[in-house]
Amino acid sequence: MRKILIVGAGKSTAVLIEYLLKKAESENLQLIIGDILVENAKQLAGDHARAKAISLDIFNVEERSNAVKEADIVISMLPARFHIEVAKDCLKYGKSMVTASYISPEMQMLDDEVKQKGLVFMNEIGVDPGIDHMSAMKVIDRIREKGGKIILFESFTGGLVAPESDTNLWNYKFTWNPRNVVVAGQGGVAKFLQEGKFKYIPYNRLFRRTEFIEIRDFGKFEVYANRNSLSYKKIYGLEHALTLYRGTVRRVGFSRAWNMFIQLGMTDDSYTMENSEEMSYRDFVNSFLPYSPTDTVELKLRHNLKLDQDDIMWEKLLELDIFNPEKIVGLKNATPAEILQKILMDKWSLGKEDKDMIVMYHKFGYELNGEKKQIDATMVHLGKDQIRTAMAITVGFPVAIAALKILNGTISTPGVQLPITKEVYDPILKELSENGILFEEKEIEYLGYNPLGEVGN
């Protein structure tokens, strides 16, 4: 029996395990599910004869190495910073490995040794990064094979609430890690290329430099720039691209509203606030506003942000109940970002019946036989329930498929890598499409860089 070790029993792991257990008999698989909270692992293993739950603390060297040693391949579903501990054991015991996370510098440093041992360390094989890489490279390679030259590439992805569950003024709920939403865009300037010009957006302007995209049947969305689009010039081999721009998708109006928190300082994660444990939501808001012996917190905030009472931005703030003097933060030594996250989780957590969706959009501009052409490719995937969320499906499926393809030798080129070669993306995209995760492509007249709208310049 071939053993697959799955380290971490988090949100995406249920879909991953469900896929592999359906294949367990025909592929002769045994799943070993390890988590520091063994009850989580037991819940995912259930009473399936081909699944076994174990207690696994990745900082316990003996537990970790014993589990890796016994496996035929390892899937790490841990937070990104912990993959390296598992990777070193995989290298030591000659096991291939799969993660959904970005390749860290520490992981990349293992590349030579991984190649020498003939192992596959597949990273960035979730949704973004993952499906974005594979779907983009499939079109890029197809254009090149016809003799075309890519001159424009734009790519946008977002985890959003499904239309039927879109019940607040922000048109947003947390469908993944809330902390990543609160601190998005911090720690560096957004860099990209538009019509041959390098562009830079600092954090304080990021959410006021949005562009619009249109998705058939789902309407208009806005996107804000990701941190560094320029790295994809090398990754995707886009040396002739005049426009190279990657971003995050939100419903129209979200970014302008989010910018209020940035201007107030509520997304700052660099310091802790005194007496945060006993602070009310109203106290938290007031902490960022000037003192006044007469003006209310509401009046001071509206004045500070230049909001009228009938402004939809004001309505969005009221909806969050952030002026409530009875609600207590209850977090000791918390940063502003941590307190804001707590406040938002009160209102933006998915309800029992809520569903999420993933939106992905690629634009390819290219020259072929002296003509400029354009392909737009879109993918929208809706979640099924609280376990089979769109996010869990689009992360869990490609990870599981990749692990099985590596185990079966379909994917065999060794090294620390991401899924940008035909050997990898062809079989995985084929199986994803069979499971309802597919792109709709449309050839249109070349528009070049022509956003429907931009806020700020």
Protein backbone atom coordinates (compact mmCIF):
# COMPACT_ATOMS: atom_id res chain seq x y z
CA MET A 1 0.00 0.00 0.00
CA ARG A 2 1.34 3.45 -0.97
CA LYS A 3 1.32 5.94 1.88
CA ILE A 4 0.56 9.64 1.46
CA LEU A 5 1.40 11.73 4.52
CA ILE A 6 -0.76 14.85 4.84
CA VAL A 7 0.62 17.29 7.39
CA GLY A 8 -1.98 19.76 8.67
CA ALA A 9 -5.75 19.36 8.93
CA GLY A 10 -6.86 22.89 8.02
CA LYS A 11 -9.60 24.36 5.83
CA SER A 12 -8.53 22.98 2.44
CA THR A 13 -7.53 19.56 3.69
CA ALA A 14 -11.05 18.10 3.80
CA VAL A 15 -11.49 18.45 0.01
CA LEU A 16 -7.97 17.16 -0.60
CA ILE A 17 -8.64 14.06 1.52
CA GLU A 18 -12.06 13.48 -0.02
CA TYR A 19 -10.48 13.41 -3.49
CA LEU A 20 -7.68 11.02 -2.48
CA LEU A 21 -10.00 8.65 -0.59
CA LYS A 22 -12.17 8.29 -3.70
CA LYS A 23 -9.01 7.10 -5.48
CA ALA A 24 -7.69 5.05 -2.55
CA GLU A 25 -8.89 1.62 -3.67
CA SER A 26 -8.00 1.94 -7.35
CA GLU A 27 -4.63 3.60 -6.61
CA ASN A 28 -3.81 1.44 -3.56
CA LEU A 29 -3.41 4.43 -1.23
CA GLN A 30 -3.20 4.79 2.54
CA LEU A 31 -3.64 8.33 3.87
CA ILE A 32 -1.82 9.31 7.06
CA ILE A 33 -3.28 12.59 8.35
CA GLY A 34 -1.13 14.34 10.93
CA ASP A 35 -1.99 17.38 13.01
CA ILE A 36 -0.91 18.81 16.36
CA LEU A 37 -4.61 18.57 17.29
CA VAL A 38 -5.21 14.90 16.60
CA GLU A 39 -9.00 15.36 16.92
CA ASN A 40 -8.93 17.51 13.77
CA ALA A 41 -7.09 14.74 11.94
CA LYS A 42 -9.51 12.09 13.27
CA GLN A 43 -12.48 14.11 12.07
CA LEU A 44 -11.07 14.19 8.53
CA ALA A 45 -10.06 10.52 8.56
CA GLY A 46 -13.46 9.42 9.82
CA ASP A 47 -13.86 5.66 9.89
CA HIS A 48 -12.43 5.12 6.41
CA ALA A 49 -10.26 2.00 6.28
CA ARG A 50 -7.72 3.78 4.10
CA ALA A 51 -7.26 6.81 6.36
CA LYS A 52 -5.39 7.03 9.64
CA ALA A 53 -5.06 10.02 12.00
CA ILE A 54 -1.89 10.67 13.97
CA SER A 55 -0.71 13.32 16.40
CA LEU A 56 2.03 15.27 14.66
CA ASP A 57 3.86 18.28 16.08
CA ILE A 58 6.21 19.45 13.33
CA PHE A 59 8.57 20.86 15.94
CA ASN A 60 8.90 17.41 17.49
CA VAL A 61 11.82 16.10 15.45
CA GLU A 62 11.16 12.45 16.25
CA GLU A 63 7.45 12.57 15.43
CA ARG A 64 8.06 14.47 12.22
CA SER A 65 10.94 12.38 10.91
CA ASN A 66 9.18 9.09 11.73
CA ALA A 67 6.08 10.17 9.85
CA VAL A 68 8.03 11.36 6.79
CA LYS A 69 10.21 8.25 6.77
CA GLU A 70 7.18 5.97 6.48
CA ALA A 71 5.54 7.91 3.63
CA ASP A 72 5.87 7.54 -0.14
CA ILE A 73 5.04 11.21 -0.71
CA VAL A 74 4.32 14.13 1.62
CA ILE A 75 1.71 16.90 1.31
CA SER A 76 2.28 19.85 3.61
CA MET A 77 -0.85 21.89 4.34
CA LEU A 78 0.86 23.83 7.11
CA PRO A 79 1.26 27.62 7.20
CA ALA A 80 3.93 28.58 4.66
CA ARG A 81 6.66 29.36 7.20
CA PHE A 82 6.62 25.77 8.51
CA HIS A 83 7.07 23.91 5.19
CA ILE A 84 10.84 24.06 5.38
CA GLU A 85 10.94 21.79 8.45
CA VAL A 86 9.04 19.11 6.56
CA ALA A 87 11.06 19.72 3.38
CA LYS A 88 14.38 19.01 5.10
CA ASP A 89 13.09 15.65 6.31
CA CYS A 90 11.73 14.86 2.85
CA LEU A 91 15.18 15.53 1.42
CA LYS A 92 16.86 13.45 4.11
CA TYR A 93 14.61 10.43 3.54
CA GLY A 94 14.17 10.78 -0.23
CA LYS A 95 10.48 11.71 -0.40
CA SER A 96 8.81 14.02 -2.92
CA MET A 97 6.67 16.82 -1.51
CA VAL A 98 3.74 19.06 -2.45
CA THR A 99 2.65 22.44 -0.99
CA ALA A 100 0.25 25.17 -2.08
CA SER A 101 2.52 27.98 -0.84
CA TYR A 102 4.92 30.34 -2.58
CA ILE A 103 8.48 29.07 -2.87
CA SER A 104 10.43 30.60 0.00
CA PRO A 105 14.15 31.48 -0.35
CA GLU A 106 14.90 28.65 2.12
CA MET A 107 12.96 26.16 -0.02
CA GLN A 108 14.66 27.36 -3.21
CA MET A 109 18.07 26.75 -1.62
CA LEU A 110 17.26 23.01 -1.53
CA ASP A 111 16.84 22.84 -5.33
CA ASP A 112 20.25 21.36 -6.21
CA GLU A 113 19.99 18.61 -3.58
CA VAL A 114 16.39 17.85 -4.57
CA LYS A 115 17.48 17.44 -8.21
CA GLN A 116 20.44 15.26 -7.23
CA LYS A 117 18.07 12.90 -5.42
CA GLY A 118 15.57 12.89 -8.30
CA LEU A 119 12.76 14.27 -6.13
CA VAL A 120 9.87 16.58 -7.02
CA PHE A 121 9.17 19.42 -4.58
CA MET A 122 6.05 20.95 -6.14
CA ASN A 123 5.02 24.32 -4.67
CA GLU A 124 2.47 27.00 -5.60
CA ILE A 125 -0.10 24.42 -6.66
CA GLY A 126 -3.23 25.84 -5.00
CA VAL A 127 -5.51 28.42 -6.61
CA ASP A 128 -3.42 31.62 -6.44
CA PRO A 129 -0.65 30.66 -6.66
CA GLY A 130 -1.44 27.52 -8.61
CA ILE A 131 -4.38 27.47 -11.00
CA ASP A 132 -3.35 30.99 -12.06
CA HIS A 133 0.12 29.71 -13.08
CA MET A 134 -1.19 26.68 -14.96
CA SER A 135 -4.04 28.38 -16.80
CA ALA A 136 -1.81 31.30 -17.81
CA MET A 137 1.08 29.15 -19.04
CA LYS A 138 -1.22 26.92 -21.07
CA VAL A 139 -2.36 29.94 -23.13
CA ILE A 140 1.08 31.56 -23.24
CA ASP A 141 2.70 28.35 -24.51
CA ARG A 142 -0.07 27.88 -27.09
CA ILE A 143 0.48 31.40 -28.43
CA ARG A 144 4.25 30.83 -28.61
CA GLU A 145 3.81 27.52 -30.41
CA LYS A 146 1.89 29.41 -33.15
CA GLY A 147 4.77 31.89 -33.43
CA GLY A 148 3.09 34.64 -31.41
CA LYS A 149 4.82 37.13 -29.11
CA ILE A 150 3.20 38.10 -25.80
CA ILE A 151 3.08 41.88 -25.37
CA LEU A 152 0.49 42.13 -22.60
CA PHE A 153 -0.40 39.93 -19.64
CA GLU A 154 -2.80 40.80 -16.84
CA SER A 155 -4.01 38.38 -14.19
CA PHE A 156 -6.47 38.95 -11.34
CA THR A 157 -7.86 36.61 -8.68
CA GLY A 158 -10.20 37.08 -5.73
CA GLY A 159 -11.88 35.03 -3.04
CA LEU A 160 -15.35 36.57 -2.62
CA VAL A 161 -18.76 35.82 -1.25
CA ALA A 162 -21.17 34.21 -3.73
CA PRO A 163 -23.93 36.47 -5.10
CA GLU A 164 -26.72 34.74 -3.16
CA SER A 165 -24.79 35.24 0.11
CA ASP A 166 -23.78 38.83 -0.61
CA THR A 167 -25.78 40.48 2.17
CA ASN A 168 -23.76 43.46 3.41
CA LEU A 169 -22.90 46.90 2.05
CA TRP A 170 -19.25 45.95 1.62
CA ASN A 171 -20.15 43.07 -0.74
CA TYR A 172 -17.53 41.05 1.10
CA LYS A 173 -17.11 38.30 3.71
CA PHE A 174 -14.04 36.41 4.87
CA THR A 175 -13.62 33.29 2.77
CA TRP A 176 -10.03 32.56 3.82
CA ASN A 177 -7.50 33.86 6.36
CA PRO A 178 -8.89 37.19 7.68
CA ARG A 179 -5.44 38.40 8.73
CA ASN A 180 -4.23 38.28 5.12
CA VAL A 181 -7.09 40.59 4.15
CA VAL A 182 -6.37 43.11 6.92
CA VAL A 183 -2.63 43.40 6.19
CA ALA A 184 -2.88 43.07 2.39
CA GLY A 185 -0.50 45.31 0.49
CA GLN A 186 1.71 46.17 3.44
CA GLY A 187 5.47 45.73 3.63
CA GLY A 188 6.38 46.99 0.18
CA VAL A 189 5.42 48.97 -2.87
CA ALA A 190 3.29 47.46 -5.66
CA LYS A 191 5.41 47.24 -8.85
CA PHE A 192 4.14 46.56 -12.36
CA LEU A 193 4.54 47.45 -16.02
CA GLN A 194 2.01 49.31 -18.18
CA GLU A 195 2.61 50.11 -21.84
CA GLY A 196 6.37 49.90 -21.35
CA LYS A 197 6.37 52.18 -18.28
CA PHE A 198 7.32 50.98 -14.82
CA LYS A 199 4.67 51.87 -12.25
CA TYR A 200 4.85 51.94 -8.46
CA ILE A 201 2.04 52.30 -5.94
CA PRO A 202 2.89 52.86 -2.26
CA TYR A 203 0.60 51.35 0.37
CA ASN A 204 -1.12 54.64 1.19
CA ARG A 205 -2.33 54.89 -2.45
CA LEU A 206 -2.87 51.20 -3.22
CA PHE A 207 -6.61 51.08 -2.63
CA ARG A 208 -7.23 54.30 -4.56
CA ARG A 209 -5.60 53.03 -7.76
CA THR A 210 -8.12 50.43 -8.82
CA GLU A 211 -9.21 49.23 -12.24
CA PHE A 212 -12.43 47.60 -13.40
CA ILE A 213 -13.01 44.24 -15.04
CA GLU A 214 -16.22 42.67 -16.31
CA ILE A 215 -17.09 38.98 -15.88
CA ARG A 216 -19.96 37.61 -17.94
CA ASP A 217 -23.01 36.72 -15.79
CA PHE A 218 -21.36 38.18 -12.67
CA GLY A 219 -20.98 41.86 -13.53
CA LYS A 220 -18.32 44.41 -12.75
CA PHE A 221 -15.45 43.99 -10.30
CA GLU A 222 -12.48 46.12 -9.27
CA VAL A 223 -8.86 45.07 -8.86
CA TYR A 224 -5.95 46.50 -6.92
CA ALA A 225 -2.30 45.74 -7.70
CA ASN A 226 -0.40 42.89 -6.06
CA ARG A 227 2.98 43.58 -4.50
CA ASN A 228 5.39 42.63 -7.31
CA SER A 229 4.13 41.78 -10.78
CA LEU A 230 7.58 42.28 -12.31
CA SER A 231 8.90 38.92 -11.07
CA TYR A 232 6.55 37.16 -13.51
CA LYS A 233 8.52 38.50 -16.45
CA LYS A 234 11.17 35.88 -15.69
CA ILE A 235 8.86 33.20 -14.29
CA TYR A 236 6.60 33.17 -17.38
CA GLY A 237 9.30 34.20 -19.87
CA LEU A 238 7.53 37.44 -20.84
CA GLU A 239 10.59 39.35 -22.02
CA HIS A 240 8.61 41.18 -24.75
CA ALA A 241 5.68 42.17 -22.53
CA LEU A 242 4.95 45.90 -22.41
CA THR A 243 2.21 45.40 -19.82
CA LEU A 244 2.55 43.00 -16.89
CA TYR A 245 0.07 43.47 -14.10
CA ARG A 246 -1.30 41.13 -11.44
CA GLY A 247 -3.91 42.06 -8.87
CA THR A 248 -6.60 41.08 -6.38
CA VAL A 249 -10.32 41.13 -7.21
CA ARG A 250 -13.02 42.78 -5.09
CA ARG A 251 -16.53 44.04 -5.75
CA VAL A 252 -16.71 47.66 -6.90
CA GLY A 253 -16.55 50.09 -3.97
CA PHE A 254 -14.72 47.84 -1.54
CA SER A 255 -11.30 49.42 -2.05
CA ARG A 256 -12.50 52.98 -1.55
CA ALA A 257 -14.15 51.94 1.70
CA TRP A 258 -11.13 49.92 2.86
CA ASN A 259 -8.96 52.96 2.29
CA MET A 260 -10.76 54.65 5.21
CA PHE A 261 -9.16 52.17 7.61
CA ILE A 262 -5.74 52.80 6.08
CA GLN A 263 -6.08 56.56 6.37
CA LEU A 264 -7.09 56.26 10.02
CA GLY A 265 -4.20 53.89 10.80
CA MET A 266 -6.34 50.90 11.76
CA THR A 267 -4.50 48.39 9.54
CA ASP A 268 -1.12 49.06 11.20
CA ASP A 269 0.44 45.89 12.60
CA SER A 270 3.73 47.39 13.81
CA TYR A 271 2.84 48.31 17.41
CA THR A 272 0.54 47.24 20.23
CA MET A 273 -2.12 49.42 21.83
CA GLU A 274 -2.25 50.10 25.56
CA ASN A 275 -5.18 48.64 27.49
CA SER A 276 -6.50 46.94 24.34
CA GLU A 277 -8.05 44.12 26.35
CA GLU A 278 -10.57 46.47 28.04
CA MET A 279 -11.00 48.86 25.10
CA SER A 280 -14.44 49.19 23.53
CA TYR A 281 -14.93 49.32 19.76
CA ARG A 282 -15.83 52.99 20.19
CA ASP A 283 -12.63 53.61 22.18
CA PHE A 284 -10.62 51.96 19.41
CA VAL A 285 -12.04 54.30 16.77
CA ASN A 286 -11.58 57.32 19.01
CA SER A 287 -7.91 56.44 19.55
CA PHE A 288 -7.14 57.57 16.00
CA LEU A 289 -9.08 60.85 16.17
CA PRO A 290 -8.24 64.29 17.60
CA TYR A 291 -9.43 65.21 21.08
CA SER A 292 -12.52 67.40 21.32
CA PRO A 293 -14.40 68.37 24.48
CA THR A 294 -17.65 68.71 22.53
CA ASP A 295 -17.67 66.69 19.29
CA THR A 296 -18.81 63.05 19.25
CA VAL A 297 -16.63 60.25 17.90
CA GLU A 298 -18.96 59.99 14.92
CA LEU A 299 -18.68 63.68 14.11
CA LYS A 300 -14.90 63.67 14.48
CA LEU A 301 -14.56 60.66 12.16
CA ARG A 302 -16.82 62.15 9.49
CA HIS A 303 -14.88 65.40 9.65
CA ASN A 304 -11.53 63.56 9.53
CA LEU A 305 -12.52 61.49 6.48
CA LYS A 306 -14.62 64.26 4.90
CA LEU A 307 -17.76 62.12 4.85
CA ASP A 308 -21.30 63.42 4.56
CA GLN A 309 -24.08 61.70 6.51
CA ASP A 310 -25.63 60.41 3.29
CA ASP A 311 -22.35 59.04 1.93
CA ILE A 312 -22.45 55.26 1.34
CA MET A 313 -18.99 55.11 2.96
CA TRP A 314 -20.54 56.33 6.20
CA GLU A 315 -23.29 53.72 5.92
CA LYS A 316 -20.62 51.03 5.50
CA LEU A 317 -18.91 52.10 8.71
CA LEU A 318 -22.18 52.15 10.64
CA GLU A 319 -22.97 48.65 9.42
CA LEU A 320 -19.83 47.36 11.19
CA ASP A 321 -21.07 48.65 14.57
CA ILE A 322 -17.64 50.15 15.25
CA PHE A 323 -19.05 52.97 17.41
CA ASN A 324 -20.59 50.57 19.93
CA PRO A 325 -19.39 51.44 23.49
CA GLU A 326 -20.62 48.10 24.85
CA LYS A 327 -18.61 45.81 22.59
CA ILE A 328 -15.19 45.08 24.11
CA VAL A 329 -12.07 44.21 22.09
CA GLY A 330 -10.90 41.63 24.64
CA LEU A 331 -7.46 41.17 23.06
CA LYS A 332 -4.38 41.72 25.22
CA ASN A 333 -1.48 43.75 23.78
CA ALA A 334 -3.17 43.83 20.37
CA THR A 335 -2.04 45.75 17.30
CA PRO A 336 -4.53 47.99 15.46
CA ALA A 337 -4.68 45.39 12.67
CA GLU A 338 -5.55 42.62 15.14
CA ILE A 339 -8.33 44.72 16.68
CA LEU A 340 -9.73 45.66 13.27
CA GLN A 341 -9.70 41.98 12.32
CA LYS A 342 -11.72 41.13 15.46
CA ILE A 343 -14.28 43.84 14.65
CA LEU A 344 -14.64 42.71 11.04
CA MET A 345 -14.94 39.03 11.96
CA ASP A 346 -18.07 39.94 13.95
CA LYS A 347 -19.72 41.04 10.72
CA TRP A 348 -17.90 39.34 7.85
CA SER A 349 -17.70 35.70 8.94
CA LEU A 350 -19.53 33.32 6.63
CA GLY A 351 -22.89 32.20 7.99
CA LYS A 352 -23.92 28.55 8.14
CA GLU A 353 -25.74 28.79 4.81
CA ASP A 354 -23.34 31.20 3.09
CA LYS A 355 -21.33 30.23 0.04
CA ASP A 356 -18.15 31.70 -1.42
CA MET A 357 -16.74 32.01 -4.92
CA ILE A 358 -13.39 32.30 -6.65
CA VAL A 359 -13.04 34.73 -9.56
CA MET A 360 -10.00 34.57 -11.87
CA TYR A 361 -9.40 36.65 -14.99
CA HIS A 362 -6.47 36.63 -17.44
CA LYS A 363 -5.89 38.99 -20.35
CA PHE A 364 -3.33 38.04 -23.03
CA GLY A 365 -2.27 40.50 -25.69
CA TYR A 366 -0.01 39.17 -28.45
CA GLU A 367 1.37 39.80 -31.92
CA LEU A 368 1.05 37.14 -34.61
CA ASN A 369 1.87 37.59 -38.31
CA GLY A 370 1.96 41.36 -37.89
CA GLU A 371 -1.45 41.52 -36.21
CA LYS A 372 -2.24 42.32 -32.60
CA LYS A 373 -4.70 39.94 -30.96
CA GLN A 374 -6.21 39.44 -27.51
CA ILE A 375 -7.58 36.54 -25.49
CA ASP A 376 -9.64 37.01 -22.33
CA ALA A 377 -9.94 33.96 -20.05
CA THR A 378 -12.23 33.83 -17.03
CA MET A 379 -12.98 31.28 -14.34
CA VAL A 380 -15.67 31.54 -11.67
CA HIS A 381 -16.18 28.71 -9.22
CA LEU A 382 -18.91 28.69 -6.58
CA GLY A 383 -18.66 26.91 -3.25
CA LYS A 384 -21.05 24.11 -2.36
CA ASP A 385 -21.20 24.36 1.45
CA GLN A 386 -19.10 25.24 4.50
CA ILE A 387 -16.73 22.29 3.94
CA ARG A 388 -16.59 22.31 0.16
CA THR A 389 -16.02 26.03 -0.19
CA ALA A 390 -14.81 27.37 -3.52
CA MET A 391 -11.51 28.23 -1.85
CA ALA A 392 -11.09 24.75 -0.34
CA ILE A 393 -11.97 23.09 -3.66
CA THR A 394 -9.64 25.21 -5.80
CA VAL A 395 -6.76 24.73 -3.36
CA GLY A 396 -7.39 21.12 -2.34
CA PHE A 397 -8.05 19.61 -5.78
CA PRO A 398 -4.86 20.73 -7.55
CA VAL A 399 -2.71 19.78 -4.53
CA ALA A 400 -4.24 16.30 -4.44
CA ILE A 401 -4.06 15.79 -8.20
CA ALA A 402 -0.41 16.90 -8.29
CA ALA A 403 0.53 14.55 -5.43
CA LEU A 404 -1.03 11.56 -7.21
CA LYS A 405 0.53 12.46 -10.57
CA ILE A 406 3.97 12.70 -8.91
CA LEU A 407 3.42 9.41 -7.09
CA ASN A 408 2.46 7.74 -10.38
CA GLY A 409 5.38 9.25 -12.30
CA THR A 410 3.23 11.36 -14.66
CA ILE A 411 5.06 14.38 -13.24
CA SER A 412 8.69 13.39 -12.81
CA THR A 413 11.05 16.28 -13.64
CA PRO A 414 12.99 16.80 -10.39
CA GLY A 415 13.60 20.02 -8.48
CA VAL A 416 11.99 22.69 -6.34
CA GLN A 417 9.41 24.03 -8.76
CA LEU A 418 6.09 25.67 -9.50
CA PRO A 419 3.55 24.31 -12.02
CA ILE A 420 4.49 26.16 -15.21
CA THR A 421 5.59 23.31 -17.49
CA LYS A 422 3.35 21.37 -19.85
CA GLU A 423 4.24 18.13 -18.06
CA VAL A 424 2.56 19.55 -14.97
CA TYR A 425 -0.26 21.81 -16.15
CA ASP A 426 -1.71 19.66 -18.94
CA PRO A 427 -2.81 16.65 -16.85
CA ILE A 428 -3.82 18.74 -13.84
CA LEU A 429 -5.91 21.28 -15.79
CA LYS A 430 -7.58 18.41 -17.66
CA GLU A 431 -8.68 16.79 -14.42
CA LEU A 432 -9.70 20.11 -12.88
CA SER A 433 -11.97 20.79 -15.86
CA GLU A 434 -13.56 17.35 -15.35
CA ASN A 435 -14.36 18.51 -11.82
CA GLY A 436 -15.98 21.77 -12.94
CA ILE A 437 -12.98 24.07 -12.54
CA LEU A 438 -12.51 25.43 -16.05
CA PHE A 439 -11.85 28.61 -17.98
CA GLU A 440 -13.95 30.31 -20.61
CA GLU A 441 -11.75 31.82 -23.33
CA LYS A 442 -12.77 34.54 -25.73
CA GLU A 443 -10.80 35.98 -28.66
CA ILE A 444 -11.54 39.70 -28.93
CA GLU A 445 -10.23 42.74 -30.74
CA TYR A 446 -6.92 43.84 -29.23
CA LEU A 447 -7.57 46.64 -26.76
CA GLY A 448 -4.15 46.87 -25.15
CA TYR A 449 -4.05 48.50 -21.77
CA ASN A 450 -7.57 49.87 -21.66
CA PRO A 451 -9.17 49.62 -18.20
CA LEU A 452 -12.84 50.46 -17.83
CA GLY A 453 -11.81 52.95 -15.19
CA GLU A 454 -9.04 53.98 -12.83
CA VAL A 455 -9.22 55.88 -9.59
CA GLY A 456 -6.14 58.06 -9.14
CA ASN A 457 -3.03 58.17 -11.30
